[in-house]
Amino acid sequence: RPSPHTMTKSQPVRLYVNGRVTAFKGGQRTQDSHTSLVKIEGVNDKAAVEFYLGKRIAYIYKAKNVKNNSRYRVVWGKVCRAHGSNGVVRATFRTNLPATALGAPVRVMLYPSRV
């Protein structure tokens, strides 16, 4: 019989939802690269976007050189508002995302909480 002091191994809790950078905001002939459009997994309407407003987004990419003992870098951003009615959100990042980020995965963190 296991001791009450030893907990069974459980899976770590995932604090993010997957998303994907789809495009930059823009019009027919313009492009605003300071605002990115992100499609969040499982969010399919404008009402569901409400929960994600203000949440942090991490674009993680792999670089050639090692910095801080890691080849991975992060660009942090925030969900600003909805974009249309299909669950796409607008996000602004601390530095504009590069063009190679288009189609790349991002992590939509489940913090800060507004509940």
Protein backbone atom coordinates (compact mmCIF):
# COMPACT_ATOMS: atom_id res chain seq x y z
CA ARG A 1 0.00 0.00 0.00
CA PRO A 2 1.49 3.42 -0.96
CA SER A 3 2.27 5.92 1.74
CA PRO A 4 -0.12 8.90 1.96
CA HIS A 5 2.90 11.22 1.70
CA THR A 6 3.88 10.02 -1.78
CA MET A 7 1.68 11.39 -4.51
CA THR A 8 1.11 9.41 -7.67
CA LYS A 9 2.81 10.80 -10.75
CA SER A 10 0.38 12.90 -12.76
CA GLN A 11 0.70 14.68 -16.06
CA PRO A 12 1.87 18.32 -15.88
CA VAL A 13 -0.86 20.90 -16.43
CA ARG A 14 -0.66 22.68 -19.78
CA LEU A 15 -1.11 26.41 -19.33
CA TYR A 16 -1.61 27.27 -22.98
CA VAL A 17 -3.82 26.67 -26.00
CA ASN A 18 -2.34 26.20 -29.45
CA GLY A 19 -2.82 28.86 -32.08
CA ARG A 20 -1.47 29.74 -35.50
CA VAL A 21 -0.40 33.05 -37.06
CA THR A 22 -2.51 33.41 -40.18
CA ALA A 23 -1.68 36.90 -41.48
CA PHE A 24 -0.96 40.50 -40.69
CA LYS A 25 -3.85 42.94 -40.40
CA GLY A 26 -4.37 45.00 -43.49
CA GLY A 27 -6.61 46.22 -46.22
CA GLN A 28 -6.79 45.41 -49.89
CA ARG A 29 -3.55 47.22 -50.71
CA THR A 30 -1.99 47.79 -47.28
CA GLN A 31 -0.42 45.69 -44.56
CA ASP A 32 -0.16 46.60 -40.88
CA SER A 33 2.65 44.39 -39.61
CA HIS A 34 2.28 45.68 -36.04
CA THR A 35 -0.93 43.65 -35.67
CA SER A 36 -1.02 39.92 -36.38
CA LEU A 37 -4.07 37.73 -36.92
CA VAL A 38 -4.05 34.53 -34.87
CA LYS A 39 -6.43 31.59 -35.16
CA ILE A 40 -6.87 29.91 -31.75
CA GLU A 41 -7.65 26.19 -31.66
CA GLY A 42 -11.24 25.48 -30.63
CA VAL A 43 -12.41 29.09 -30.92
CA ASN A 44 -14.97 29.36 -33.71
CA ASP A 45 -17.11 32.40 -32.94
CA LYS A 46 -16.90 35.91 -31.58
CA ALA A 47 -18.47 34.98 -28.23
CA ALA A 48 -15.70 32.46 -27.50
CA VAL A 49 -13.04 35.12 -28.19
CA GLU A 50 -14.22 37.08 -25.12
CA PHE A 51 -12.38 34.68 -22.75
CA TYR A 52 -9.03 35.19 -24.55
CA LEU A 53 -8.98 39.00 -24.57
CA GLY A 54 -5.86 40.23 -22.75
CA LYS A 55 -4.21 36.80 -22.70
CA ARG A 56 -0.49 36.59 -23.48
CA ILE A 57 0.79 34.96 -26.66
CA ALA A 58 4.24 33.43 -27.11
CA TYR A 59 5.80 33.01 -30.56
CA ILE A 60 8.67 30.58 -29.98
CA TYR A 61 11.31 30.08 -32.66
CA LYS A 62 14.67 28.40 -32.98
CA ALA A 63 17.76 30.51 -33.72
CA LYS A 64 21.25 29.60 -34.91
CA ASN A 65 23.28 30.98 -32.01
CA VAL A 66 23.03 30.08 -28.34
CA LYS A 67 21.95 32.86 -25.96
CA ASN A 68 21.19 32.26 -22.27
CA ASN A 69 22.06 28.57 -22.75
CA SER A 70 19.27 28.08 -25.30
CA ARG A 71 18.73 28.23 -29.04
CA TYR A 72 15.05 29.06 -28.53
CA ARG A 73 13.78 32.64 -28.45
CA VAL A 74 10.39 34.08 -27.61
CA VAL A 75 8.45 37.10 -28.81
CA TRP A 76 5.65 37.97 -26.38
CA GLY A 77 2.35 39.54 -27.37
CA LYS A 78 -1.21 40.10 -26.23
CA VAL A 79 -4.66 39.38 -27.63
CA CYS A 80 -6.25 42.80 -28.33
CA ARG A 81 -9.64 42.09 -29.87
CA ALA A 82 -11.61 39.87 -32.20
CA HIS A 83 -11.15 39.98 -35.97
CA GLY A 84 -14.38 39.14 -37.73
CA SER A 85 -16.88 36.60 -36.45
CA ASN A 86 -15.03 33.28 -36.98
CA GLY A 87 -12.87 33.23 -33.85
CA VAL A 88 -9.76 34.90 -35.28
CA VAL A 89 -8.11 37.42 -32.93
CA ARG A 90 -5.85 40.42 -33.42
CA ALA A 91 -2.63 40.39 -31.43
CA THR A 92 0.14 42.91 -30.95
CA PHE A 93 3.66 41.73 -30.15
CA ARG A 94 6.51 43.58 -28.40
CA THR A 95 8.48 43.45 -31.63
CA ASN A 96 6.69 42.89 -34.92
CA LEU A 97 6.64 39.27 -36.01
CA PRO A 98 8.87 38.36 -38.96
CA ALA A 99 7.36 37.14 -42.22
CA THR A 100 8.60 33.62 -41.43
CA ALA A 101 6.08 33.56 -38.57
CA LEU A 102 3.15 33.40 -41.00
CA GLY A 103 1.60 29.96 -40.63
CA ALA A 104 3.76 29.20 -37.58
CA PRO A 105 2.36 27.91 -34.28
CA VAL A 106 2.02 30.15 -31.22
CA ARG A 107 1.08 29.47 -27.60
CA VAL A 108 -1.90 31.37 -26.24
CA MET A 109 -1.29 31.38 -22.48
CA LEU A 110 -4.24 31.05 -20.14
CA TYR A 111 -3.05 34.00 -18.06
CA PRO A 112 -3.58 36.73 -16.95
CA SER A 113 -7.04 35.71 -15.72
CA ARG A 114 -9.92 38.17 -15.98
CA VAL A 115 -12.34 36.00 -14.02
